[in-house]
């Protein structure tokens, strides 16, 4: 039998976590709601005290809320940012005890067994928690008990209340189960505990009795603390200051070996590295290296630091070096075989070298796009943050060089026998076509508002291979591309 009295659990519930996070840097006294699209409707996700006092509530349609409260302010909700904020609060809560876990998306649970006396007693600890959170502008309800279920129930339905007098909602049951229990006349935890267990198990399954036993301490419920994320940073303190670029590179090599070993242990690779060099006068300089692909090979990363290290002003000397992987990505181990004839990372290393000079965003590549319009059949993306694709899916070949349509003086439905283009007199040798391309009616494009185009591949006797088109609705000829 599990003895629940051996433990002391504290539950922190932040009923307005999202709105408190938003209002922290920008406080306001007026009503504010955060909205989120749910079930094809924009509904209230979280609200502050002023909005709640106007009769608004969570899940209310935003259009109805505006009708009730004309001066209502709104902002879009960001559940991911709220979870990151809760993660910060979890790290803060480890000052009270080492065992801290998440309780849903708006709460924390702390196992303070054996640590409350460090802050005086349990009441003093909870009072200090409440004061610090209030000073930070966070609304919190705190419950404590011998079990996790009891602490959660008091945090949500009455701090310091007797557990048996709380409603059955406090057992963390689903809404339909709570409704069914209330219809049976079981409205409190005490009434549920005094009821025969067999009929409850047959009707509701094991969940109701499990939650009841967990709250009363008859069944254990563990708290799983979140593991701290790995910190990819290494440091070196030098006995004597250094100032030569070669010495800095030698120290960087030693730091890289240690950092890459840590990355390898976690199957990760660095995308952004920051080398911090602290001088003896207290000033520090950073050398940032952004990689085109995640890496953890010291031999490939070290030469990329040379340009940045050469520009460092060492002053009277550097006495401390710190290397940190600011941004990392998963990099699982790869199977190496004898059939591998080339290194696919050589192109990425070249992109990184060029990117250190002109910026990684300025090294770009063409990617295919899902459109039959020539001007929209590709997109341009930074090569370091995109992957090459196999190619364009088209039934007919496209020119290697594409430019804005250039008109030529010609008439007729077929390509002209003689015409002038870019001050050159050309004569048609062979023409292949037409390929009719219609505009995409769902997109607005001024260049294609004139209607359809009939494209031709024209090989001239002078050696030019042109991509030309004819517009039937406004009889005209244009040149738009050149084949290789």
Protein backbone atom coordinates (compact mmCIF):
# COMPACT_ATOMS: atom_id res chain seq x y z
CA UNK A 1 0.00 0.00 0.00
CA UNK A 2 1.32 3.43 -0.97
CA UNK A 3 1.67 5.79 2.00
CA UNK A 4 0.72 9.23 0.63
CA UNK A 5 1.54 11.01 3.90
CA UNK A 6 5.24 10.52 3.21
CA UNK A 7 5.13 13.07 0.43
CA UNK A 8 4.22 16.74 0.17
CA UNK A 9 3.18 18.00 -3.24
CA UNK A 10 2.57 21.58 -4.37
CA UNK A 11 0.58 22.43 -7.51
CA UNK A 12 0.92 25.80 -9.24
CA UNK A 13 -1.90 26.74 -11.59
CA UNK A 14 -1.60 29.82 -13.79
CA UNK A 15 -5.22 30.49 -14.90
CA UNK A 16 -4.18 33.44 -17.09
CA UNK A 17 -0.76 32.31 -18.22
CA UNK A 18 -1.11 33.45 -21.85
CA UNK A 19 -2.55 36.88 -21.08
CA UNK A 20 -0.07 37.48 -18.26
CA UNK A 21 2.78 36.67 -20.64
CA UNK A 22 1.51 39.17 -23.20
CA UNK A 23 0.72 41.89 -20.65
CA UNK A 24 4.05 41.55 -18.86
CA UNK A 25 6.04 43.97 -21.07
CA UNK A 26 2.93 45.97 -22.09
CA UNK A 27 0.51 46.25 -19.14
CA UNK A 28 -2.97 47.63 -19.67
CA UNK A 29 -6.02 48.22 -17.48
CA UNK A 30 -8.58 47.59 -20.21
CA UNK A 31 -10.14 44.28 -21.20
CA UNK A 32 -7.85 42.09 -23.32
CA UNK A 33 -8.40 38.67 -24.89
CA UNK A 34 -6.18 36.32 -26.85
CA UNK A 35 -7.97 34.63 -29.74
CA UNK A 36 -7.34 31.32 -31.45
CA UNK A 37 -9.09 29.67 -34.39
CA UNK A 38 -10.97 26.61 -33.11
CA UNK A 39 -13.55 24.57 -35.05
CA UNK A 40 -13.60 27.10 -37.91
CA UNK A 41 -14.36 29.96 -35.52
CA UNK A 42 -12.24 32.59 -33.83
CA UNK A 43 -12.70 32.04 -30.09
CA UNK A 44 -11.29 33.42 -26.86
CA UNK A 45 -8.23 31.43 -25.82
CA UNK A 46 -7.29 33.45 -22.72
CA UNK A 47 -8.42 36.72 -21.11
CA UNK A 48 -7.35 39.10 -18.37
CA UNK A 49 -9.24 40.03 -15.21
CA UNK A 50 -10.84 43.12 -16.77
CA UNK A 51 -12.29 41.06 -19.64
CA UNK A 52 -13.55 38.37 -17.28
CA UNK A 53 -15.32 41.01 -15.17
CA UNK A 54 -17.28 42.02 -18.30
CA UNK A 55 -18.81 38.54 -18.49
CA UNK A 56 -16.45 37.09 -21.11
CA UNK A 57 -15.16 33.54 -20.81
CA UNK A 58 -12.83 31.07 -22.51
CA UNK A 59 -14.18 29.46 -25.65
CA UNK A 60 -16.59 32.33 -26.31
CA UNK A 61 -16.83 33.38 -29.98
CA UNK A 62 -14.83 36.54 -30.51
CA UNK A 63 -17.64 38.17 -32.48
CA UNK A 64 -19.97 37.76 -29.49
CA UNK A 65 -17.29 39.10 -27.16
CA UNK A 66 -16.97 42.26 -29.25
CA UNK A 67 -20.72 42.75 -29.08
CA UNK A 68 -20.68 42.49 -25.28
CA UNK A 69 -17.54 44.63 -24.90
CA UNK A 70 -17.03 47.26 -27.66
CA UNK A 71 -13.74 48.52 -26.16
CA UNK A 72 -12.26 45.03 -26.12
CA UNK A 73 -8.62 44.67 -27.21
CA UNK A 74 -7.46 41.44 -28.81
CA UNK A 75 -4.27 39.76 -29.91
CA UNK A 76 -3.61 36.41 -31.55
CA UNK A 77 -2.72 33.60 -29.18
CA UNK A 78 0.63 31.82 -29.41
CA UNK A 79 0.39 28.45 -27.61
CA UNK A 80 3.97 27.57 -28.52
CA UNK A 81 5.28 30.78 -26.93
CA UNK A 82 3.14 30.08 -23.86
CA UNK A 83 4.72 26.64 -23.51
CA UNK A 84 8.19 28.15 -23.78
CA UNK A 85 7.25 30.63 -21.07
CA UNK A 86 6.01 27.78 -18.88
CA UNK A 87 9.35 26.04 -19.46
CA UNK A 88 11.11 29.12 -18.10
CA UNK A 89 8.85 29.03 -15.06
CA UNK A 90 9.68 25.37 -14.55
CA UNK A 91 13.37 26.19 -14.44
CA UNK A 92 12.64 28.97 -11.96
CA UNK A 93 10.68 26.55 -9.76
CA UNK A 94 13.70 24.27 -9.35
CA UNK A 95 15.00 26.77 -6.79
CA UNK A 96 12.42 25.31 -4.37
CA UNK A 97 13.00 21.62 -5.08
CA UNK A 98 14.68 19.49 -7.74
CA UNK A 99 11.53 17.56 -8.72
CA UNK A 100 9.43 19.88 -10.89
CA UNK A 101 7.19 18.71 -13.72
CA UNK A 102 4.55 20.12 -16.04
CA UNK A 103 0.86 19.94 -15.13
CA UNK A 104 -0.86 20.34 -18.48
CA UNK A 105 -0.20 23.51 -20.47
CA UNK A 106 -0.80 25.98 -17.65
CA UNK A 107 0.55 24.46 -14.46
CA UNK A 108 3.51 23.02 -12.58
CA UNK A 109 3.76 20.30 -9.95
CA UNK A 110 6.51 20.27 -7.30
CA UNK A 111 7.55 17.45 -4.98
CA UNK A 112 8.73 19.48 -1.96
CA UNK A 113 9.21 16.46 0.29
CA UNK A 114 12.23 17.16 2.47
CA UNK A 115 12.89 20.67 1.14
CA UNK A 116 10.25 22.86 2.81
CA UNK A 117 12.33 23.28 6.00
CA UNK A 118 15.03 25.04 3.97
CA UNK A 119 12.65 28.00 3.63
CA UNK A 120 11.25 27.90 7.16
CA UNK A 121 8.25 25.66 6.66
CA UNK A 122 5.72 24.81 3.98
CA UNK A 123 3.54 27.85 4.63
CA UNK A 124 6.53 30.18 4.40
CA UNK A 125 7.67 28.53 1.18
CA UNK A 126 4.24 28.89 -0.46
CA UNK A 127 3.94 32.50 0.72
CA UNK A 128 7.32 33.31 -0.83
CA UNK A 129 6.31 31.60 -4.09
CA UNK A 130 3.10 33.60 -4.22
CA UNK A 131 4.87 36.89 -3.51
CA UNK A 132 7.55 36.36 -6.15
CA UNK A 133 5.03 35.38 -8.82
CA UNK A 134 2.80 38.33 -7.96
CA UNK A 135 5.77 40.65 -8.25
CA UNK A 136 6.36 39.22 -11.74
CA UNK A 137 2.75 40.02 -12.68
CA UNK A 138 1.56 36.39 -12.82
CA UNK A 139 -1.79 35.19 -11.50
CA UNK A 140 -1.37 31.91 -9.65
CA UNK A 141 -3.41 29.55 -7.50
CA UNK A 142 -1.40 27.25 -5.24
CA UNK A 143 -2.57 24.01 -3.70
CA UNK A 144 -0.71 21.52 -1.53
CA UNK A 145 -1.39 18.03 -0.28
CA UNK A 146 -0.04 14.59 0.39
CA UNK A 147 -0.77 13.52 -3.19
CA UNK A 148 -0.51 15.06 -6.60
CA UNK A 149 -4.25 14.76 -7.13
CA UNK A 150 -5.06 16.49 -3.84
CA UNK A 151 -2.67 19.36 -4.60
CA UNK A 152 -4.16 19.81 -8.09
CA UNK A 153 -7.71 19.77 -6.72
CA UNK A 154 -6.97 22.47 -4.12
CA UNK A 155 -5.14 24.64 -6.64
CA UNK A 156 -8.11 24.58 -9.02
CA UNK A 157 -11.10 24.41 -6.68
CA UNK A 158 -10.10 25.85 -3.31
CA UNK A 159 -6.79 26.43 -1.60
CA UNK A 160 -6.74 24.85 1.86
CA UNK A 161 -10.11 23.17 1.38
CA UNK A 162 -11.00 19.74 2.72
CA UNK A 163 -10.49 17.29 -0.13
CA UNK A 164 -13.69 15.29 0.52
CA UNK A 165 -15.82 18.46 0.24
CA UNK A 166 -14.50 19.45 -3.18
CA UNK A 167 -16.62 18.66 -6.28
CA UNK A 168 -15.93 15.60 -8.40
CA UNK A 169 -14.60 17.97 -11.09
CA UNK A 170 -11.45 18.19 -8.95
CA UNK A 171 -10.52 14.58 -9.76
CA UNK A 172 -9.25 15.49 -13.27
CA UNK A 173 -12.05 13.60 -15.00
CA UNK A 174 -13.53 14.21 -18.43
CA UNK A 175 -16.52 16.54 -18.66
CA UNK A 176 -18.98 13.85 -19.75
CA UNK A 177 -17.94 11.62 -16.83
CA UNK A 178 -18.41 14.48 -14.36
CA UNK A 179 -21.88 15.16 -15.78
CA UNK A 180 -22.88 11.51 -15.44
CA UNK A 181 -21.65 11.38 -11.81
CA UNK A 182 -23.60 14.52 -10.95
CA UNK A 183 -26.77 13.07 -12.45
CA UNK A 184 -26.32 10.10 -10.12
CA UNK A 185 -26.21 12.49 -7.15
CA UNK A 186 -22.43 12.11 -6.61
CA UNK A 187 -21.37 15.74 -6.49
CA UNK A 188 -18.46 15.70 -4.06
CA UNK A 189 -15.34 13.58 -3.66
CA UNK A 190 -16.57 12.39 -0.26
CA UNK A 191 -19.83 11.13 -1.72
CA UNK A 192 -17.95 9.33 -4.45
CA UNK A 193 -15.58 7.73 -1.93
CA UNK A 194 -18.52 6.41 0.15
CA UNK A 195 -20.25 4.86 -2.88
CA UNK A 196 -19.91 1.15 -3.76
CA UNK A 197 -16.92 0.67 -6.02
CA UNK A 198 -18.16 -2.23 -8.12
CA UNK A 199 -21.08 -0.37 -9.80
CA UNK A 200 -18.80 2.60 -10.51
CA UNK A 201 -16.20 0.35 -12.13
CA UNK A 202 -18.81 -1.38 -14.28
CA UNK A 203 -20.33 1.89 -15.51
CA UNK A 204 -17.30 4.18 -15.84
CA UNK A 205 -14.38 1.80 -16.13
CA UNK A 206 -11.20 2.00 -14.04
CA UNK A 207 -10.46 5.72 -14.66
CA UNK A 208 -12.83 7.16 -12.03
CA UNK A 209 -11.61 4.87 -9.24
CA UNK A 210 -7.98 5.38 -10.25
CA UNK A 211 -8.28 9.16 -10.03
CA UNK A 212 -10.09 8.84 -6.70
CA UNK A 213 -7.42 6.55 -5.25
CA UNK A 214 -4.64 8.81 -6.52
CA UNK A 215 -6.20 11.83 -4.85
CA UNK A 216 -6.74 9.97 -1.56
CA UNK A 217 -3.29 8.36 -1.58
CA UNK A 218 -4.35 4.76 -2.16
CA UNK A 219 -2.51 4.69 -5.50
CA UNK A 220 0.89 6.28 -6.20
CA UNK A 221 1.34 8.95 -8.86
CA UNK A 222 4.84 9.89 -9.82
CA UNK A 223 6.19 13.30 -10.79
CA UNK A 224 8.48 13.13 -13.79
CA UNK A 225 10.82 16.12 -13.84
CA UNK A 226 11.88 17.37 -17.25
CA UNK A 227 15.51 16.78 -18.12
CA UNK A 228 17.57 19.89 -18.68
CA UNK A 229 18.46 20.39 -22.35
CA UNK A 230 22.14 19.86 -23.16
CA UNK A 231 24.28 22.97 -23.04
CA UNK A 232 26.74 23.01 -25.90
CA UNK A 233 29.47 25.34 -24.64
CA UNK A 234 33.11 24.87 -23.62
CA UNK A 235 35.53 27.29 -22.01
CA UNK A 236 39.28 27.64 -21.68
CA UNK A 237 41.17 29.95 -19.31
CA UNK A 238 44.73 30.62 -20.43
CA UNK A 239 47.65 30.90 -17.95
CA UNK A 240 49.25 33.61 -20.10
CA UNK A 241 47.58 36.04 -22.52
CA UNK A 242 47.87 35.29 -26.23
CA UNK A 243 47.54 37.59 -29.21
CA UNK A 244 48.70 35.81 -32.35
CA UNK A 245 46.11 34.45 -34.75
CA UNK A 246 47.89 31.10 -34.82
CA UNK A 247 47.65 30.76 -31.04
CA UNK A 248 43.95 31.65 -31.12
CA UNK A 249 43.35 29.05 -33.82
CA UNK A 250 45.22 26.45 -31.76
CA UNK A 251 43.01 27.19 -28.77
CA UNK A 252 39.93 27.09 -30.99
CA UNK A 253 40.96 23.65 -32.22
CA UNK A 254 41.11 22.31 -28.67
CA UNK A 255 37.71 23.81 -27.87
CA UNK A 256 36.22 22.38 -31.07
CA UNK A 257 37.34 18.87 -30.21
CA UNK A 258 35.61 19.03 -26.83
CA UNK A 259 32.47 20.64 -28.23
CA UNK A 260 32.17 18.19 -31.12
CA UNK A 261 32.51 15.26 -28.73
CA UNK A 262 29.56 16.61 -26.78
CA UNK A 263 27.57 17.10 -29.99
CA UNK A 264 28.38 13.56 -31.06
CA UNK A 265 27.15 12.14 -27.75
CA UNK A 266 23.76 13.79 -28.35
CA UNK A 267 23.58 13.02 -32.11
CA UNK A 268 23.50 16.74 -32.93
CA UNK A 269 25.32 19.10 -35.26
CA UNK A 270 26.07 22.81 -34.97
CA UNK A 271 24.55 25.32 -37.38
CA UNK A 272 25.70 28.52 -35.63
CA UNK A 273 28.89 28.75 -33.56
CA UNK A 274 30.06 31.70 -31.47
CA UNK A 275 33.68 32.04 -30.35
CA UNK A 276 34.02 34.59 -27.54
CA UNK A 277 37.51 35.95 -26.87
CA UNK A 278 37.93 37.84 -23.61
CA UNK A 279 40.83 40.26 -23.38
CA UNK A 280 42.83 41.11 -20.26
CA UNK A 281 41.21 44.56 -20.14
CA UNK A 282 37.77 42.96 -19.65
CA UNK A 283 36.54 43.58 -23.19
CA UNK A 284 35.31 40.64 -25.27
CA UNK A 285 34.93 40.05 -28.99
CA UNK A 286 32.73 37.50 -30.71
CA UNK A 287 33.47 35.56 -33.87
CA UNK A 288 30.25 34.10 -35.24
CA UNK A 289 30.28 31.26 -37.74
CA UNK A 290 27.10 30.25 -39.54
CA UNK A 291 27.25 26.90 -41.30
CA UNK A 292 25.36 25.81 -44.40
CA UNK A 293 24.66 22.42 -42.84
CA UNK A 294 24.88 20.92 -39.34
CA UNK A 295 28.44 19.78 -38.62
CA UNK A 296 30.39 18.25 -35.77
CA UNK A 297 33.70 17.53 -37.52
CA UNK A 298 36.47 19.71 -36.00
CA UNK A 299 38.71 19.33 -39.06
CA UNK A 300 36.04 20.81 -41.35
CA UNK A 301 34.89 23.56 -38.99
CA UNK A 302 38.28 24.89 -37.87
CA UNK A 303 39.40 26.42 -41.23
CA UNK A 304 36.14 28.34 -41.42
CA UNK A 305 37.14 30.37 -38.34
CA UNK A 306 40.33 31.73 -39.94
CA UNK A 307 38.77 34.77 -41.55
CA UNK A 308 36.95 35.87 -38.39
CA UNK A 309 39.93 35.23 -36.09
CA UNK A 310 42.24 37.25 -38.37
CA UNK A 311 40.03 40.32 -37.88
CA UNK A 312 40.06 40.15 -34.06
CA UNK A 313 41.82 42.93 -32.16
CA UNK A 314 43.62 41.11 -29.35
CA UNK A 315 44.62 44.32 -27.55
CA UNK A 316 47.00 43.49 -24.70
CA UNK A 317 46.19 39.82 -24.99
CA UNK A 318 43.40 37.24 -24.70
CA UNK A 319 43.17 35.29 -21.44
CA UNK A 320 39.90 33.36 -21.90
CA UNK A 321 38.20 31.61 -24.82
CA UNK A 322 34.64 30.31 -24.95
CA UNK A 323 33.02 28.36 -27.79
CA UNK A 324 29.26 27.80 -27.92
CA UNK A 325 26.96 26.07 -30.38
CA UNK A 326 24.22 28.70 -30.45
CA UNK A 327 21.99 26.75 -32.81
CA UNK A 328 22.00 23.00 -33.25
CA UNK A 329 20.09 20.47 -35.33
CA UNK A 330 19.74 16.68 -35.13
CA UNK A 331 22.57 14.92 -36.93
CA UNK A 332 22.29 11.12 -36.63
CA UNK A 333 25.22 8.90 -37.41
CA UNK A 334 25.56 7.78 -41.03
CA UNK A 335 26.63 4.43 -42.38
CA UNK A 336 29.94 4.79 -44.22
CA UNK A 337 30.48 2.36 -47.12
CA UNK A 338 33.25 1.82 -49.64
CA UNK A 339 30.85 2.69 -52.45
CA UNK A 340 30.75 6.34 -51.52
CA UNK A 341 32.77 8.10 -54.21
CA UNK A 342 32.24 11.75 -53.34
CA UNK A 343 31.69 13.91 -50.28
CA UNK A 344 28.26 15.58 -50.44
CA UNK A 345 29.39 18.11 -47.85
CA UNK A 346 31.94 19.81 -50.09
CA UNK A 347 29.27 22.00 -51.65
CA UNK A 348 28.01 22.98 -48.20
CA UNK A 349 31.54 23.87 -47.12
CA UNK A 350 31.86 26.08 -50.20
CA UNK A 351 28.54 27.76 -49.41
CA UNK A 352 29.75 28.38 -45.86
CA UNK A 353 33.02 29.92 -47.05
CA UNK A 354 31.21 32.23 -49.44
CA UNK A 355 28.56 32.96 -46.84
CA UNK A 356 31.15 34.17 -44.32
CA UNK A 357 32.05 36.90 -46.82
CA UNK A 358 28.71 37.96 -48.26
CA UNK A 359 26.20 36.38 -45.87
CA UNK A 360 24.52 32.98 -46.09
CA UNK A 361 21.22 34.56 -47.13
CA UNK A 362 22.86 35.93 -50.28
CA UNK A 363 23.93 32.48 -51.55
CA UNK A 364 20.74 31.31 -53.23
CA UNK A 365 19.43 28.46 -55.35
CA UNK A 366 16.47 27.94 -57.65
CA UNK A 367 13.77 25.52 -56.56
CA UNK A 368 10.87 24.20 -58.65
CA UNK A 369 7.40 25.56 -57.95
CA UNK A 370 4.02 24.03 -58.75
CA UNK A 371 2.93 26.30 -61.59
CA UNK A 372 2.75 25.98 -65.37
CA UNK A 373 3.34 29.73 -65.79
CA UNK A 374 7.00 30.15 -66.83
CA UNK A 375 7.62 33.09 -64.50
CA UNK A 376 6.17 31.17 -61.56
CA UNK A 377 7.72 27.78 -62.18
CA UNK A 378 10.55 28.47 -59.76
CA UNK A 379 11.32 30.08 -56.42
CA UNK A 380 14.56 31.48 -55.06
CA UNK A 381 15.64 30.40 -51.58
CA UNK A 382 18.87 30.64 -49.54
CA UNK A 383 20.95 27.59 -50.34
CA UNK A 384 21.98 27.12 -46.70
CA UNK A 385 18.36 26.81 -45.51
CA UNK A 386 16.87 24.73 -48.32
CA UNK A 387 17.48 21.38 -49.93
CA UNK A 388 18.00 20.85 -53.66
CA UNK A 389 15.22 19.06 -55.48
CA UNK A 390 15.44 16.73 -58.42
CA UNK A 391 14.10 19.10 -61.03
CA UNK A 392 11.09 20.53 -62.76
CA UNK A 393 8.26 18.28 -63.85
CA UNK A 394 7.37 19.52 -67.34
CA UNK A 395 6.25 17.70 -70.46
CA UNK A 396 8.20 19.99 -72.78
CA UNK A 397 11.67 21.48 -72.38
CA UNK A 398 12.14 24.94 -70.95
CA UNK A 399 14.86 27.47 -71.86
CA UNK A 400 17.94 27.74 -69.67
CA UNK A 401 17.66 31.53 -69.73
CA UNK A 402 14.32 33.21 -69.03
CA UNK A 403 13.68 36.96 -69.13
CA UNK A 404 10.81 39.41 -69.47
CA UNK A 405 8.94 39.16 -72.79
CA UNK A 406 10.56 41.29 -75.51
CA UNK A 407 8.31 42.26 -78.47
CA UNK A 408 9.36 41.76 -82.08
CA UNK A 409 7.79 43.14 -85.26
CA UNK A 410 5.94 40.20 -86.79
CA UNK A 411 2.45 39.05 -87.76
CA UNK A 412 0.72 35.73 -88.44
CA UNK A 413 -0.12 32.64 -86.41
CA UNK A 414 3.20 30.93 -87.12
CA UNK A 415 6.68 32.19 -86.26
CA UNK A 416 7.89 34.81 -88.79
CA UNK A 417 10.39 33.72 -91.40
CA UNK A 418 12.44 36.87 -90.93
CA UNK A 419 12.52 39.13 -87.84
CA UNK A 420 14.78 41.38 -85.83
CA UNK A 421 15.57 40.83 -82.15
CA UNK A 422 18.07 42.83 -80.09
CA UNK A 423 19.36 44.56 -83.21
CA UNK A 424 20.05 41.20 -84.88
CA UNK A 425 18.53 40.12 -88.18
CA UNK A 426 17.40 36.51 -87.77
CA UNK A 427 15.71 33.98 -90.03
CA UNK A 428 13.73 30.96 -88.85
CA UNK A 429 15.18 27.57 -89.70
CA UNK A 430 12.85 25.28 -87.74
CA UNK A 431 9.92 25.94 -85.44
CA UNK A 432 8.31 23.48 -83.02
CA UNK A 433 4.93 24.19 -81.42
CA UNK A 434 2.61 25.58 -80.46
CA UNK A 435 2.31 24.91 -76.70
CA UNK A 436 -0.69 26.81 -75.41
CA UNK A 437 -0.43 28.11 -71.81
CA UNK A 438 -3.44 29.71 -70.15
CA UNK A 439 -3.23 32.15 -67.22
CA UNK A 440 -3.97 30.97 -63.68
CA UNK A 441 -7.33 32.63 -63.05
CA UNK A 442 -7.04 32.32 -59.26
CA UNK A 443 -3.95 34.57 -59.16
CA UNK A 444 -3.62 38.20 -60.11
CA UNK A 445 -0.82 38.83 -62.59
CA UNK A 446 -0.82 41.94 -64.77
CA UNK A 447 1.54 40.34 -67.29
CA UNK A 448 -0.95 37.52 -67.97
CA UNK A 449 -4.18 39.49 -67.95
CA UNK A 450 -4.13 39.68 -71.74
CA UNK A 451 -5.03 35.98 -72.03
CA UNK A 452 -3.52 32.79 -73.43
CA UNK A 453 -0.11 32.41 -75.06
CA UNK A 454 1.07 30.02 -77.79
CA UNK A 455 4.74 29.14 -77.23
CA UNK A 456 7.15 28.01 -79.98
CA UNK A 457 10.72 26.71 -80.02
CA UNK A 458 12.40 28.55 -82.87
CA UNK A 459 15.84 27.56 -84.21
CA UNK A 460 17.33 30.28 -86.36
CA UNK A 461 19.81 29.82 -89.18
CA UNK A 462 22.19 32.10 -87.26
CA UNK A 463 22.42 29.54 -84.40
CA UNK A 464 20.03 31.15 -81.93
CA UNK A 465 17.50 28.89 -80.24
CA UNK A 466 14.68 31.08 -78.95
CA UNK A 467 11.51 30.56 -76.95
CA UNK A 468 8.83 32.73 -78.53
CA UNK A 469 5.12 33.12 -77.97
CA UNK A 470 2.13 34.55 -79.81
CA UNK A 471 -0.90 36.20 -78.18
CA UNK A 472 -4.05 35.45 -80.30
CA UNK A 473 -6.30 37.90 -78.42
CA UNK A 474 -3.89 40.77 -79.21
CA UNK A 475 -1.89 39.58 -82.24
CA UNK A 476 1.74 40.09 -81.24
CA UNK A 477 4.99 38.13 -81.07
CA UNK A 478 7.45 38.09 -78.15
CA UNK A 479 10.75 36.44 -77.25
CA UNK A 480 10.97 35.25 -73.63
CA UNK A 481 13.87 32.79 -73.37
CA UNK A 482 16.96 31.28 -74.93
CA UNK A 483 17.77 27.56 -75.07
CA UNK A 484 21.31 26.30 -74.60
